Amino acid sequence: MSAPVLELRGVTKTYSVKQGLFGKPKPLTAVNDVSLTLGRGEVLGLVGESGCGKSTLAKILLGLEAPTTGEVLVDGERVESTDRRKLARRIQPIFQDPYSSLNPRKSIEDIVSLPLRVHKVGDAASQNKAVRDILDIVGLPARVMQTYPNQMSGGQRQRVAIARALIMKPEIVICDEPTSALDVSVQSQILNLLGELRDEFGLTYLFISHDLAVVEHLASRVAVMYLGRIVEEATVGGLFDTPRHPYAQALLTSVLTPDPGQGVPDTQLGMEYPNPIAPPPGCHFHPRCPRAMVQCVQTAPRAVVSEDGHVECHLFDAERGLDTGAPLKPETAA
């Protein structure tokens, strides 16, 4: 992997949540001791169910939230010690909903040129030219500059959001489910555009999604998140060909196929997601895991490092001798 442009070291984010009118505040750990490294020009896919902490992690990377513990580094420089404007030049977001992320009262020219005006880059004429150029790059004609978001389709609005993110020529783009609000046909156009822009500008992407097909198309590495933890990290080929963590296996099982005869896949995970305020002991995944062992209830797994990443699962921790433990669910144990 190339030199890291973005690095997370033991990042944890805990909120204080009050339950009920008279209830005492309780800690909710949205991100739990996450360490990741993102190489320059790489695309890291971050996948997991809703509520697992993906968007909280994105806010931390953008400097919108401060981690409770741990640190985030961009080119070796701590984010919290970096000037906010300097950080905004280097990291930009593309949000999930292209309509709610664009000001409906501003024209497209005003929206896309706003970063230039905030950072005082060039005069009005050069800013106008920069907007025209970036709109052309993302596939929009210059005539849309005087239109408003509600006059555009969803795909066009997302292209505007991409243009706004790229006009300052950032190094890193945080894509928080940028295609989930779009039609399937438009999704493919936006994904192809993101791939082309990555090659043209040498961008580095953190691509957050719950759609594994999208991640497989765009990413080079994948991190699987569950209840605030990265439970598996691997190359795209490694994860999609031979997923190791039972949760990653369940996610891949959940992917719909074009064959109507296959029906809706059953992941065997059930409908209930664990309470993040009172997570299960030991391995947080064990109540939903078909391969859970007695040790999974008693001891939290550690990261078992491999050539292409790591996995947090007792099934692979041979050094501790936990891969031969008694099944917790013998009727479903593999």
C-alpha atoms as a PDB file:
ATOM      1  CA  MET A   1       0.000   0.000   0.000  1.00  0.00           C
ATOM      2  CA  SER A   2       1.144   3.558  -0.699  1.00  0.00           C
ATOM      3  CA  ALA A   3       2.082   5.993   2.071  1.00  0.00           C
ATOM      4  CA  PRO A   4      -0.916   6.646   4.334  1.00  0.00           C
ATOM      5  CA  VAL A   5      -2.733   9.891   3.666  1.00  0.00           C
ATOM      6  CA  LEU A   6      -5.351   9.258   6.354  1.00  0.00           C
ATOM      7  CA  GLU A   7      -4.853   7.336   9.575  1.00  0.00           C
ATOM      8  CA  LEU A   8      -7.047   6.550  12.568  1.00  0.00           C
ATOM      9  CA  ARG A   9      -5.410   5.360  15.765  1.00  0.00           C
ATOM     10  CA  GLY A  10      -7.613   3.890  18.455  1.00  0.00           C
ATOM     11  CA  VAL A  11     -10.509   6.258  17.765  1.00  0.00           C
ATOM     12  CA  THR A  12     -13.431   6.030  20.192  1.00  0.00           C
ATOM     13  CA  LYS A  13     -16.527   8.240  20.319  1.00  0.00           C
ATOM     14  CA  THR A  14     -18.848   8.032  23.318  1.00  0.00           C
ATOM     15  CA  TYR A  15     -22.045  10.002  23.818  1.00  0.00           C
ATOM     16  CA  SER A  16     -24.054  10.486  26.990  1.00  0.00           C
ATOM     17  CA  VAL A  17     -27.650   9.428  26.337  1.00  0.00           C
ATOM     18  CA  LYS A  18     -30.520  10.103  28.729  1.00  0.00           C
ATOM     19  CA  GLN A  19     -33.278   7.500  28.809  1.00  0.00           C
ATOM     20  CA  GLY A  20     -36.669   8.858  29.760  1.00  0.00           C
ATOM     21  CA  LEU A  21     -37.563  12.037  31.607  1.00  0.00           C
ATOM     22  CA  PHE A  22     -36.024  11.000  34.922  1.00  0.00           C
ATOM     23  CA  GLY A  23     -33.515   8.445  33.717  1.00  0.00           C
ATOM     24  CA  LYS A  24     -29.811   8.837  34.380  1.00  0.00           C
ATOM     25  CA  PRO A  25     -27.532   9.453  31.392  1.00  0.00           C
ATOM     26  CA  LYS A  26     -25.784   6.338  30.107  1.00  0.00           C
ATOM     27  CA  PRO A  27     -22.772   6.090  27.799  1.00  0.00           C
ATOM     28  CA  LEU A  28     -23.311   5.074  24.179  1.00  0.00           C
ATOM     29  CA  THR A  29     -20.119   4.129  22.360  1.00  0.00           C
ATOM     30  CA  ALA A  30     -20.789   4.820  18.691  1.00  0.00           C
ATOM     31  CA  VAL A  31     -17.191   4.178  17.586  1.00  0.00           C
ATOM     32  CA  ASN A  32     -15.117   1.757  19.647  1.00  0.00           C
ATOM     33  CA  ASP A  33     -11.307   1.756  19.355  1.00  0.00           C
ATOM     34  CA  VAL A  34     -11.149   1.922  15.557  1.00  0.00           C
ATOM     35  CA  SER A  35      -7.798   1.963  13.765  1.00  0.00           C
ATOM     36  CA  LEU A  36      -7.638   2.314   9.982  1.00  0.00           C
ATOM     37  CA  THR A  37      -5.047   3.336   7.411  1.00  0.00           C
ATOM     38  CA  LEU A  38      -5.947   4.771   4.023  1.00  0.00           C
ATOM     39  CA  GLY A  39      -3.271   4.965   1.341  1.00  0.00           C
ATOM     40  CA  ARG A  40      -3.047   7.750  -1.197  1.00  0.00           C
ATOM     41  CA  GLY A  41      -5.262   7.058  -4.208  1.00  0.00           C
ATOM     42  CA  GLU A  42      -6.980   4.160  -2.457  1.00  0.00           C
ATOM     43  CA  VAL A  43     -10.714   3.513  -2.089  1.00  0.00           C
ATOM     44  CA  LEU A  44     -11.661   2.034   1.280  1.00  0.00           C
ATOM     45  CA  GLY A  45     -15.229   0.741   1.533  1.00  0.00           C
ATOM     46  CA  LEU A  46     -16.828   0.898   4.981  1.00  0.00           C
ATOM     47  CA  VAL A  47     -19.865  -1.380   5.293  1.00  0.00           C
ATOM     48  CA  GLY A  48     -22.285  -2.400   8.015  1.00  0.00           C
ATOM     49  CA  GLU A  49     -25.892  -2.158   9.133  1.00  0.00           C
ATOM     50  CA  SER A  50     -27.559   1.155   9.919  1.00  0.00           C
ATOM     51  CA  GLY A  51     -26.570   2.338  13.387  1.00  0.00           C
ATOM     52  CA  CYS A  52     -23.184   0.608  13.454  1.00  0.00           C
ATOM     53  CA  GLY A  53     -21.251   3.907  13.616  1.00  0.00           C
ATOM     54  CA  LYS A  54     -20.297   4.550   9.978  1.00  0.00           C
ATOM     55  CA  SER A  55     -21.651   8.109   9.773  1.00  0.00           C
ATOM     56  CA  THR A  56     -20.236   9.008  13.201  1.00  0.00           C
ATOM     57  CA  LEU A  57     -16.834   7.927  11.952  1.00  0.00           C
ATOM     58  CA  ALA A  58     -17.292  10.117   8.853  1.00  0.00           C
ATOM     59  CA  LYS A  59     -18.086  13.149  11.045  1.00  0.00           C
ATOM     60  CA  ILE A  60     -14.915  12.536  13.055  1.00  0.00           C
ATOM     61  CA  LEU A  61     -12.828  12.382   9.880  1.00  0.00           C
ATOM     62  CA  LEU A  62     -14.365  15.651   8.657  1.00  0.00           C
ATOM     63  CA  GLY A  63     -13.609  17.373  11.961  1.00  0.00           C
ATOM     64  CA  LEU A  64     -17.321  17.816  12.702  1.00  0.00           C
ATOM     65  CA  GLU A  65     -17.004  15.623  15.807  1.00  0.00           C
ATOM     66  CA  ALA A  66     -14.018  15.267  18.119  1.00  0.00           C
ATOM     67  CA  PRO A  67     -13.080  11.731  19.164  1.00  0.00           C
ATOM     68  CA  THR A  68     -13.418  10.926  22.859  1.00  0.00           C
ATOM     69  CA  THR A  69     -10.073   9.130  22.693  1.00  0.00           C
ATOM     70  CA  GLY A  70      -7.616   8.339  19.910  1.00  0.00           C
ATOM     71  CA  GLU A  71      -6.399  10.493  17.070  1.00  0.00           C
ATOM     72  CA  VAL A  72      -6.946  11.146  13.376  1.00  0.00           C
ATOM     73  CA  LEU A  73      -3.978  12.082  11.195  1.00  0.00           C
ATOM     74  CA  VAL A  74      -3.878  13.502   7.679  1.00  0.00           C
ATOM     75  CA  ASP A  75      -0.415  13.142   6.150  1.00  0.00           C
ATOM     76  CA  GLY A  76       0.889  12.586   9.673  1.00  0.00           C
ATOM     77  CA  GLU A  77      -0.680  15.787  11.046  1.00  0.00           C
ATOM     78  CA  ARG A  78      -3.291  15.557  13.802  1.00  0.00           C
ATOM     79  CA  VAL A  79      -6.709  16.777  12.654  1.00  0.00           C
ATOM     80  CA  GLU A  80      -7.524  18.548  15.929  1.00  0.00           C
ATOM     81  CA  SER A  81      -4.369  20.658  15.647  1.00  0.00           C
ATOM     82  CA  THR A  82      -5.042  21.542  11.995  1.00  0.00           C
ATOM     83  CA  ASP A  83      -6.739  24.799  11.025  1.00  0.00           C
ATOM     84  CA  ARG A  84     -10.372  24.113  10.028  1.00  0.00           C
ATOM     85  CA  ARG A  85     -10.030  25.886   6.692  1.00  0.00           C
ATOM     86  CA  LYS A  86      -6.844  24.029   5.873  1.00  0.00           C
ATOM     87  CA  LEU A  87      -8.551  20.760   6.755  1.00  0.00           C
ATOM     88  CA  ALA A  88     -11.537  21.634   4.546  1.00  0.00           C
ATOM     89  CA  ARG A  89      -9.180  22.114   1.599  1.00  0.00           C
ATOM     90  CA  ARG A  90      -7.880  18.572   2.066  1.00  0.00           C
ATOM     91  CA  ILE A  91     -11.029  16.643   3.036  1.00  0.00           C
ATOM     92  CA  GLN A  92     -14.484  17.127   1.547  1.00  0.00           C
ATOM     93  CA  PRO A  93     -17.760  15.191   1.947  1.00  0.00           C
ATOM     94  CA  ILE A  94     -20.393  13.930  -0.455  1.00  0.00           C
ATOM     95  CA  PHE A  95     -23.559  13.284   1.526  1.00  0.00           C
ATOM     96  CA  GLN A  96     -26.321  10.726   1.114  1.00  0.00           C
ATOM     97  CA  ASP A  97     -29.240  12.971   0.132  1.00  0.00           C
ATOM     98  CA  PRO A  98     -28.298  15.411  -2.637  1.00  0.00           C
ATOM     99  CA  TYR A  99     -31.388  17.531  -2.040  1.00  0.00           C
ATOM    100  CA  SER A 100     -31.108  18.148   1.705  1.00  0.00           C
ATOM    101  CA  SER A 101     -27.357  18.822   1.392  1.00  0.00           C
ATOM    102  CA  LEU A 102     -27.929  21.655  -1.114  1.00  0.00           C
ATOM    103  CA  ASN A 103     -29.395  25.041  -0.137  1.00  0.00           C
ATOM    104  CA  PRO A 104     -32.719  25.263  -2.039  1.00  0.00           C
ATOM    105  CA  ARG A 105     -32.598  29.092  -1.995  1.00  0.00           C
ATOM    106  CA  LYS A 106     -29.235  29.333  -3.732  1.00  0.00           C
ATOM    107  CA  SER A 107     -28.467  28.924  -7.413  1.00  0.00           C
ATOM    108  CA  ILE A 108     -26.128  26.147  -8.542  1.00  0.00           C
ATOM    109  CA  GLU A 109     -23.436  28.749  -9.230  1.00  0.00           C
ATOM    110  CA  ASP A 110     -23.705  30.068  -5.674  1.00  0.00           C
ATOM    111  CA  ILE A 111     -23.638  26.549  -4.201  1.00  0.00           C
ATOM    112  CA  VAL A 112     -20.622  25.317  -6.145  1.00  0.00           C
ATOM    113  CA  SER A 113     -18.633  28.544  -5.801  1.00  0.00           C
ATOM    114  CA  LEU A 114     -19.215  28.870  -2.049  1.00  0.00           C
ATOM    115  CA  PRO A 115     -15.957  27.089  -1.046  1.00  0.00           C
ATOM    116  CA  LEU A 116     -13.998  29.426  -3.325  1.00  0.00           C
ATOM    117  CA  ARG A 117     -15.620  32.464  -1.725  1.00  0.00           C
ATOM    118  CA  VAL A 118     -15.124  31.182   1.819  1.00  0.00           C
ATOM    119  CA  HIS A 119     -11.439  30.541   1.179  1.00  0.00           C
ATOM    120  CA  LYS A 120     -11.083  33.764  -0.869  1.00  0.00           C
ATOM    121  CA  VAL A 121      -9.719  31.942  -3.901  1.00  0.00           C
ATOM    122  CA  GLY A 122      -9.588  34.213  -6.966  1.00  0.00           C
ATOM    123  CA  ASP A 123     -11.923  36.979  -8.072  1.00  0.00           C
ATOM    124  CA  ALA A 124     -15.507  36.718  -9.352  1.00  0.00           C
ATOM    125  CA  ALA A 125     -14.445  36.045 -12.947  1.00  0.00           C
ATOM    126  CA  SER A 126     -12.029  33.252 -12.047  1.00  0.00           C
ATOM    127  CA  GLN A 127     -14.589  31.725  -9.673  1.00  0.00           C
ATOM    128  CA  ASN A 128     -17.191  31.734 -12.437  1.00  0.00           C
ATOM    129  CA  LYS A 129     -14.756  29.972 -14.778  1.00  0.00           C
ATOM    130  CA  ALA A 130     -13.855  27.436 -12.096  1.00  0.00           C
ATOM    131  CA  VAL A 131     -17.546  26.610 -11.610  1.00  0.00           C
ATOM    132  CA  ARG A 132     -18.053  26.181 -15.357  1.00  0.00           C
ATOM    133  CA  ASP A 133     -15.001  23.904 -15.570  1.00  0.00           C
ATOM    134  CA  ILE A 134     -15.963  21.661 -12.669  1.00  0.00           C
ATOM    135  CA  LEU A 135     -19.576  21.385 -13.858  1.00  0.00           C
ATOM    136  CA  ASP A 136     -18.290  20.308 -17.246  1.00  0.00           C
ATOM    137  CA  ILE A 137     -16.076  17.687 -15.593  1.00  0.00           C
ATOM    138  CA  VAL A 138     -19.011  16.174 -13.680  1.00  0.00           C
ATOM    139  CA  GLY A 139     -21.164  16.163 -16.818  1.00  0.00           C
ATOM    140  CA  LEU A 140     -23.398  19.216 -16.345  1.00  0.00           C
ATOM    141  CA  PRO A 141     -23.836  22.009 -18.920  1.00  0.00           C
ATOM    142  CA  ALA A 142     -23.052  25.617 -18.022  1.00  0.00           C
ATOM    143  CA  ARG A 143     -26.718  26.578 -18.384  1.00  0.00           C
ATOM    144  CA  VAL A 144     -27.562  24.913 -15.044  1.00  0.00           C
ATOM    145  CA  MET A 145     -25.561  27.559 -13.175  1.00  0.00           C
ATOM    146  CA  GLN A 146     -28.596  29.812 -12.794  1.00  0.00           C
ATOM    147  CA  THR A 147     -31.028  27.036 -11.895  1.00  0.00           C
ATOM    148  CA  TYR A 148     -31.972  25.847  -8.396  1.00  0.00           C
ATOM    149  CA  PRO A 149     -31.789  22.354  -6.826  1.00  0.00           C
ATOM    150  CA  ASN A 150     -35.548  21.782  -7.010  1.00  0.00           C
ATOM    151  CA  GLN A 151     -35.371  22.237 -10.798  1.00  0.00           C
ATOM    152  CA  MET A 152     -32.962  19.321 -11.181  1.00  0.00           C
ATOM    153  CA  SER A 153     -33.227  15.542 -11.036  1.00  0.00           C
ATOM    154  CA  GLY A 154     -31.678  13.514  -8.212  1.00  0.00           C
ATOM    155  CA  GLY A 155     -28.734  12.486 -10.353  1.00  0.00           C
ATOM    156  CA  GLN A 156     -28.072  16.076 -11.423  1.00  0.00           C
ATOM    157  CA  ARG A 157     -28.221  17.263  -7.808  1.00  0.00           C
ATOM    158  CA  GLN A 158     -25.678  14.638  -6.780  1.00  0.00           C
ATOM    159  CA  ARG A 159     -23.395  15.787  -9.609  1.00  0.00           C
ATOM    160  CA  VAL A 160     -23.688  19.309  -8.187  1.00  0.00           C
ATOM    161  CA  ALA A 161     -22.738  17.984  -4.744  1.00  0.00           C
ATOM    162  CA  ILE A 162     -19.711  16.252  -6.274  1.00  0.00           C
ATOM    163  CA  ALA A 163     -18.725  19.438  -8.103  1.00  0.00           C
ATOM    164  CA  ARG A 164     -18.919  21.428  -4.860  1.00  0.00           C
ATOM    165  CA  ALA A 165     -16.780  18.835  -3.078  1.00  0.00           C
ATOM    166  CA  LEU A 166     -14.102  18.845  -5.790  1.00  0.00           C
ATOM    167  CA  ILE A 167     -13.846  22.533  -6.642  1.00  0.00           C
ATOM    168  CA  MET A 168     -11.172  23.053  -3.955  1.00  0.00           C
ATOM    169  CA  LYS A 169      -9.222  20.044  -5.308  1.00  0.00           C
ATOM    170  CA  PRO A 170      -9.154  18.053  -2.051  1.00  0.00           C
ATOM    171  CA  GLU A 171      -6.968  15.020  -1.431  1.00  0.00           C
ATOM    172  CA  ILE A 172      -9.605  12.959   0.375  1.00  0.00           C
ATOM    173  CA  VAL A 173     -13.342  12.638  -0.257  1.00  0.00           C
ATOM    174  CA  ILE A 174     -15.650  11.086   2.354  1.00  0.00           C
ATOM    175  CA  CYS A 175     -18.584   9.552   0.460  1.00  0.00           C
ATOM    176  CA  ASP A 176     -21.396   8.823   2.922  1.00  0.00           C
ATOM    177  CA  GLU A 177     -23.765   6.557   0.948  1.00  0.00           C
ATOM    178  CA  PRO A 178     -23.734   8.951  -2.038  1.00  0.00           C
ATOM    179  CA  THR A 179     -25.923   6.769  -4.267  1.00  0.00           C
ATOM    180  CA  SER A 180     -28.463   5.254  -1.862  1.00  0.00           C
ATOM    181  CA  ALA A 181     -31.089   7.961  -2.554  1.00  0.00           C
ATOM    182  CA  LEU A 182     -30.846   7.529  -6.337  1.00  0.00           C
ATOM    183  CA  ASP A 183     -32.486   5.240  -8.882  1.00  0.00           C
ATOM    184  CA  VAL A 184     -30.463   2.177  -9.879  1.00  0.00           C
ATOM    185  CA  SER A 185     -29.754   3.501 -13.383  1.00  0.00           C
ATOM    186  CA  VAL A 186     -28.555   6.825 -11.970  1.00  0.00           C
ATOM    187  CA  GLN A 187     -26.473   5.036  -9.332  1.00  0.00           C
ATOM    188  CA  SER A 188     -24.328   3.411 -11.979  1.00  0.00           C
ATOM    189  CA  GLN A 189     -23.716   6.774 -13.663  1.00  0.00           C
ATOM    190  CA  ILE A 190     -22.605   8.391 -10.400  1.00  0.00           C
ATOM    191  CA  LEU A 191     -20.384   5.423  -9.487  1.00  0.00           C
ATOM    192  CA  ASN A 192     -18.708   5.516 -12.892  1.00  0.00           C
ATOM    193  CA  LEU A 193     -18.228   9.271 -12.497  1.00  0.00           C
ATOM    194  CA  LEU A 194     -16.611   8.816  -9.067  1.00  0.00           C
ATOM    195  CA  GLY A 195     -14.261   6.218 -10.544  1.00  0.00           C
ATOM    196  CA  GLU A 196     -13.290   8.519 -13.417  1.00  0.00           C
ATOM    197  CA  LEU A 197     -12.717  11.468 -11.071  1.00  0.00           C
ATOM    198  CA  ARG A 198     -10.531   9.344  -8.838  1.00  0.00           C
ATOM    199  CA  ASP A 199      -8.286   8.510 -11.794  1.00  0.00           C
ATOM    200  CA  GLU A 200      -8.269  12.085 -13.129  1.00  0.00           C
ATOM    201  CA  PHE A 201      -7.559  13.886  -9.840  1.00  0.00           C
ATOM    202  CA  GLY A 202      -5.749  11.162  -7.894  1.00  0.00           C
ATOM    203  CA  LEU A 203      -8.416  11.228  -5.190  1.00  0.00           C
ATOM    204  CA  THR A 204      -8.557   9.068  -2.089  1.00  0.00           C
ATOM    205  CA  TYR A 205     -12.039   7.851  -1.125  1.00  0.00           C
ATOM    206  CA  LEU A 206     -13.567   6.574   2.071  1.00  0.00           C
ATOM    207  CA  PHE A 207     -16.754   5.093   0.638  1.00  0.00           C
ATOM    208  CA  ILE A 208     -19.448   4.396   3.238  1.00  0.00           C
ATOM    209  CA  SER A 209     -22.284   2.165   2.122  1.00  0.00           C
ATOM    210  CA  HIS A 210     -24.587  -0.670   3.130  1.00  0.00           C
ATOM    211  CA  ASP A 211     -24.747  -1.820  -0.509  1.00  0.00           C
ATOM    212  CA  LEU A 212     -22.064  -4.474  -0.973  1.00  0.00           C
ATOM    213  CA  ALA A 213     -22.481  -4.535  -4.761  1.00  0.00           C
ATOM    214  CA  VAL A 214     -21.583  -0.848  -4.900  1.00  0.00           C
ATOM    215  CA  VAL A 215     -18.558  -1.364  -2.661  1.00  0.00           C
ATOM    216  CA  GLU A 216     -17.340  -4.291  -4.744  1.00  0.00           C
ATOM    217  CA  HIS A 217     -17.554  -2.114  -7.869  1.00  0.00           C
ATOM    218  CA  LEU A 218     -15.579   0.844  -6.522  1.00  0.00           C
ATOM    219  CA  ALA A 219     -13.430  -0.097  -3.527  1.00  0.00           C
ATOM    220  CA  SER A 220      -9.987  -1.657  -3.325  1.00  0.00           C
ATOM    221  CA  ARG A 221     -10.231  -2.594   0.373  1.00  0.00           C
ATOM    222  CA  VAL A 222     -13.222  -3.164   2.655  1.00  0.00           C
ATOM    223  CA  ALA A 223     -13.720  -2.671   6.398  1.00  0.00           C
ATOM    224  CA  VAL A 224     -16.747  -4.335   8.000  1.00  0.00           C
ATOM    225  CA  MET A 225     -18.185  -2.463  10.995  1.00  0.00           C
ATOM    226  CA  TYR A 226     -20.404  -3.912  13.708  1.00  0.00           C
ATOM    227  CA  LEU A 227     -21.560  -2.031  16.806  1.00  0.00           C
ATOM    228  CA  GLY A 228     -18.733   0.480  16.555  1.00  0.00           C
ATOM    229  CA  ARG A 229     -15.941  -2.050  15.892  1.00  0.00           C
ATOM    230  CA  ILE A 230     -14.108  -2.993  12.703  1.00  0.00           C
ATOM    231  CA  VAL A 231     -14.629  -6.755  12.869  1.00  0.00           C
ATOM    232  CA  GLU A 232     -12.944  -7.548   9.560  1.00  0.00           C
ATOM    233  CA  GLU A 233     -10.731  -5.710   7.095  1.00  0.00           C
ATOM    234  CA  ALA A 234      -9.526  -7.214   3.831  1.00  0.00           C
ATOM    235  CA  THR A 235      -8.995  -6.589   0.147  1.00  0.00           C
ATOM    236  CA  VAL A 236     -12.129  -6.581  -1.986  1.00  0.00           C
ATOM    237  CA  GLY A 237     -11.166  -9.895  -3.537  1.00  0.00           C
ATOM    238  CA  GLY A 238     -10.372 -11.444  -0.166  1.00  0.00           C
ATOM    239  CA  LEU A 239     -13.604 -10.327   1.499  1.00  0.00           C
ATOM    240  CA  PHE A 240     -15.972 -11.201  -1.334  1.00  0.00           C
ATOM    241  CA  ASP A 241     -14.306 -14.531  -2.152  1.00  0.00           C
ATOM    242  CA  THR A 242     -13.554 -15.818   1.356  1.00  0.00           C
ATOM    243  CA  PRO A 243     -15.161 -13.720   4.112  1.00  0.00           C
ATOM    244  CA  ARG A 244     -13.960 -14.890   7.520  1.00  0.00           C
ATOM    245  CA  HIS A 245     -16.028 -13.148  10.174  1.00  0.00           C
ATOM    246  CA  PRO A 246     -19.540 -14.654  10.523  1.00  0.00           C
ATOM    247  CA  TYR A 247     -21.035 -11.160  10.306  1.00  0.00           C
ATOM    248  CA  ALA A 248     -19.250 -10.468   7.011  1.00  0.00           C
ATOM    249  CA  GLN A 249     -20.512 -13.815   5.736  1.00  0.00           C
ATOM    250  CA  ALA A 250     -24.058 -12.859   6.738  1.00  0.00           C
ATOM    251  CA  LEU A 251     -23.792  -9.510   4.959  1.00  0.00           C
ATOM    252  CA  LEU A 252     -22.718 -11.219   1.744  1.00  0.00           C
ATOM    253  CA  THR A 253     -25.576 -13.702   2.100  1.00  0.00           C
ATOM    254  CA  SER A 254     -28.007 -10.773   2.296  1.00  0.00           C
ATOM    255  CA  VAL A 255     -27.195  -9.514  -1.219  1.00  0.00           C
ATOM    256  CA  LEU A 256     -30.218  -9.837  -3.501  1.00  0.00           C
ATOM    257  CA  THR A 257     -29.815 -11.770  -6.742  1.00  0.00           C
ATOM    258  CA  PRO A 258     -31.540 -11.044 -10.094  1.00  0.00           C
ATOM    259  CA  ASP A 259     -33.132 -14.500 -10.028  1.00  0.00           C
ATOM    260  CA  PRO A 260     -36.730 -14.099  -8.759  1.00  0.00           C
ATOM    261  CA  GLY A 261     -36.833 -17.787  -7.877  1.00  0.00           C
ATOM    262  CA  GLN A 262     -34.226 -17.296  -5.182  1.00  0.00           C
ATOM    263  CA  GLY A 263     -36.549 -15.139  -3.066  1.00  0.00           C
ATOM    264  CA  VAL A 264     -35.367 -12.891  -0.244  1.00  0.00           C
ATOM    265  CA  PRO A 265     -32.165 -14.275   1.333  1.00  0.00           C
ATOM    266  CA  ASP A 266     -32.210 -15.243   5.006  1.00  0.00           C
ATOM    267  CA  THR A 267     -29.102 -14.009   6.834  1.00  0.00           C
ATOM    268  CA  GLN A 268     -30.018 -15.904  10.044  1.00  0.00           C
ATOM    269  CA  LEU A 269     -29.298 -12.704  11.985  1.00  0.00           C
ATOM    270  CA  GLY A 270     -32.864 -12.030  13.099  1.00  0.00           C
ATOM    271  CA  MET A 271     -34.578  -8.656  13.059  1.00  0.00           C
ATOM    272  CA  GLU A 272     -33.321  -7.256  16.368  1.00  0.00           C
ATOM    273  CA  TYR A 273     -30.119  -5.194  16.501  1.00  0.00           C
ATOM    274  CA  PRO A 274     -28.264  -5.141  19.865  1.00  0.00           C
ATOM    275  CA  ASN A 275     -28.779  -2.175  22.170  1.00  0.00           C
ATOM    276  CA  PRO A 276     -25.620  -0.023  21.826  1.00  0.00           C
ATOM    277  CA  ILE A 277     -26.211   1.433  25.301  1.00  0.00           C
ATOM    278  CA  ALA A 278     -26.044  -2.075  26.806  1.00  0.00           C
ATOM    279  CA  PRO A 279     -23.989  -4.152  24.356  1.00  0.00           C
ATOM    280  CA  PRO A 280     -23.686  -7.918  24.891  1.00  0.00           C
ATOM    281  CA  PRO A 281     -20.675  -9.124  26.910  1.00  0.00           C
ATOM    282  CA  GLY A 282     -17.657 -10.731  25.274  1.00  0.00           C
ATOM    283  CA  CYS A 283     -18.002 -10.642  21.504  1.00  0.00           C
ATOM    284  CA  HIS A 284     -20.819  -8.188  20.771  1.00  0.00           C
ATOM    285  CA  PHE A 285     -21.939 -10.318  17.829  1.00  0.00           C
ATOM    286  CA  HIS A 286     -22.384 -13.601  19.726  1.00  0.00           C
ATOM    287  CA  PRO A 287     -26.207 -13.353  20.292  1.00  0.00           C
ATOM    288  CA  ARG A 288     -26.714 -13.348  16.503  1.00  0.00           C
ATOM    289  CA  CYS A 289     -23.814 -15.606  15.517  1.00  0.00           C
ATOM    290  CA  PRO A 290     -24.635 -19.144  14.297  1.00  0.00           C
ATOM    291  CA  ARG A 291     -21.097 -20.263  15.212  1.00  0.00           C
ATOM    292  CA  ALA A 292     -20.907 -18.737  18.686  1.00  0.00           C
ATOM    293  CA  MET A 293     -18.926 -20.615  21.346  1.00  0.00           C
ATOM    294  CA  VAL A 294     -18.849 -20.384  25.134  1.00  0.00           C
ATOM    295  CA  GLN A 295     -15.717 -18.216  24.913  1.00  0.00           C
ATOM    296  CA  CYS A 296     -17.583 -15.697  22.771  1.00  0.00           C
ATOM    297  CA  VAL A 297     -19.823 -14.830  25.727  1.00  0.00           C
ATOM    298  CA  GLN A 298     -16.936 -14.571  28.166  1.00  0.00           C
ATOM    299  CA  THR A 299     -14.110 -12.884  26.256  1.00  0.00           C
ATOM    300  CA  ALA A 300     -13.964 -10.110  23.671  1.00  0.00           C
ATOM    301  CA  PRO A 301     -12.023 -11.244  20.589  1.00  0.00           C
ATOM    302  CA  ARG A 302      -8.786  -9.577  19.621  1.00  0.00           C
ATOM    303  CA  ALA A 303      -7.638  -8.663  16.131  1.00  0.00           C
ATOM    304  CA  VAL A 304      -6.004 -11.571  14.306  1.00  0.00           C
ATOM    305  CA  VAL A 305      -3.757 -10.024  11.649  1.00  0.00           C
ATOM    306  CA  SER A 306      -3.316 -11.578   8.205  1.00  0.00           C
ATOM    307  CA  GLU A 307      -1.514 -10.558   5.031  1.00  0.00           C
ATOM    308  CA  ASP A 308      -4.425  -8.528   3.658  1.00  0.00           C
ATOM    309  CA  GLY A 309      -6.038  -7.197   6.851  1.00  0.00           C
ATOM    310  CA  HIS A 310      -7.427  -8.563  10.105  1.00  0.00           C
ATOM    311  CA  VAL A 311     -10.436 -10.277  11.644  1.00  0.00           C
ATOM    312  CA  GLU A 312     -11.794 -10.072  15.204  1.00  0.00           C
ATOM    313  CA  CYS A 313     -13.181 -13.549  15.842  1.00  0.00           C
ATOM    314  CA  HIS A 314     -12.335 -16.369  18.259  1.00  0.00           C
ATOM    315  CA  LEU A 315     -12.667 -18.868  15.413  1.00  0.00           C
ATOM    316  CA  PHE A 316      -9.359 -17.599  14.023  1.00  0.00           C
ATOM    317  CA  ASP A 317      -7.475 -16.985  17.276  1.00  0.00           C
ATOM    318  CA  ALA A 318      -5.476 -20.208  17.375  1.00  0.00           C
ATOM    319  CA  GLU A 319      -2.825 -18.659  19.649  1.00  0.00           C
ATOM    320  CA  ARG A 320      -5.359 -18.440  22.460  1.00  0.00           C
ATOM    321  CA  GLY A 321      -6.691 -21.897  21.695  1.00  0.00           C
ATOM    322  CA  LEU A 322     -10.194 -20.550  21.320  1.00  0.00           C
ATOM    323  CA  ASP A 323     -10.868 -22.044  17.898  1.00  0.00           C
ATOM    324  CA  THR A 324     -11.669 -25.432  19.469  1.00  0.00           C
ATOM    325  CA  GLY A 325     -14.129 -24.192  22.087  1.00  0.00           C
ATOM    326  CA  ALA A 326     -17.487 -25.797  22.755  1.00  0.00           C
ATOM    327  CA  PRO A 327     -20.293 -24.441  20.533  1.00  0.00           C
ATOM    328  CA  LEU A 328     -22.783 -22.182  22.274  1.00  0.00           C
ATOM    329  CA  LYS A 329     -25.436 -23.238  19.736  1.00  0.00           C
ATOM    330  CA  PRO A 330     -24.616 -26.875  18.883  1.00  0.00           C
ATOM    331  CA  GLU A 331     -27.636 -27.278  16.627  1.00  0.00           C
ATOM    332  CA  THR A 332     -26.350 -24.540  14.278  1.00  0.00           C
ATOM    333  CA  ALA A 333     -22.611 -24.727  14.832  1.00  0.00           C
ATOM    334  CA  ALA A 334     -20.475 -25.380  11.790  1.00  0.00           C
END
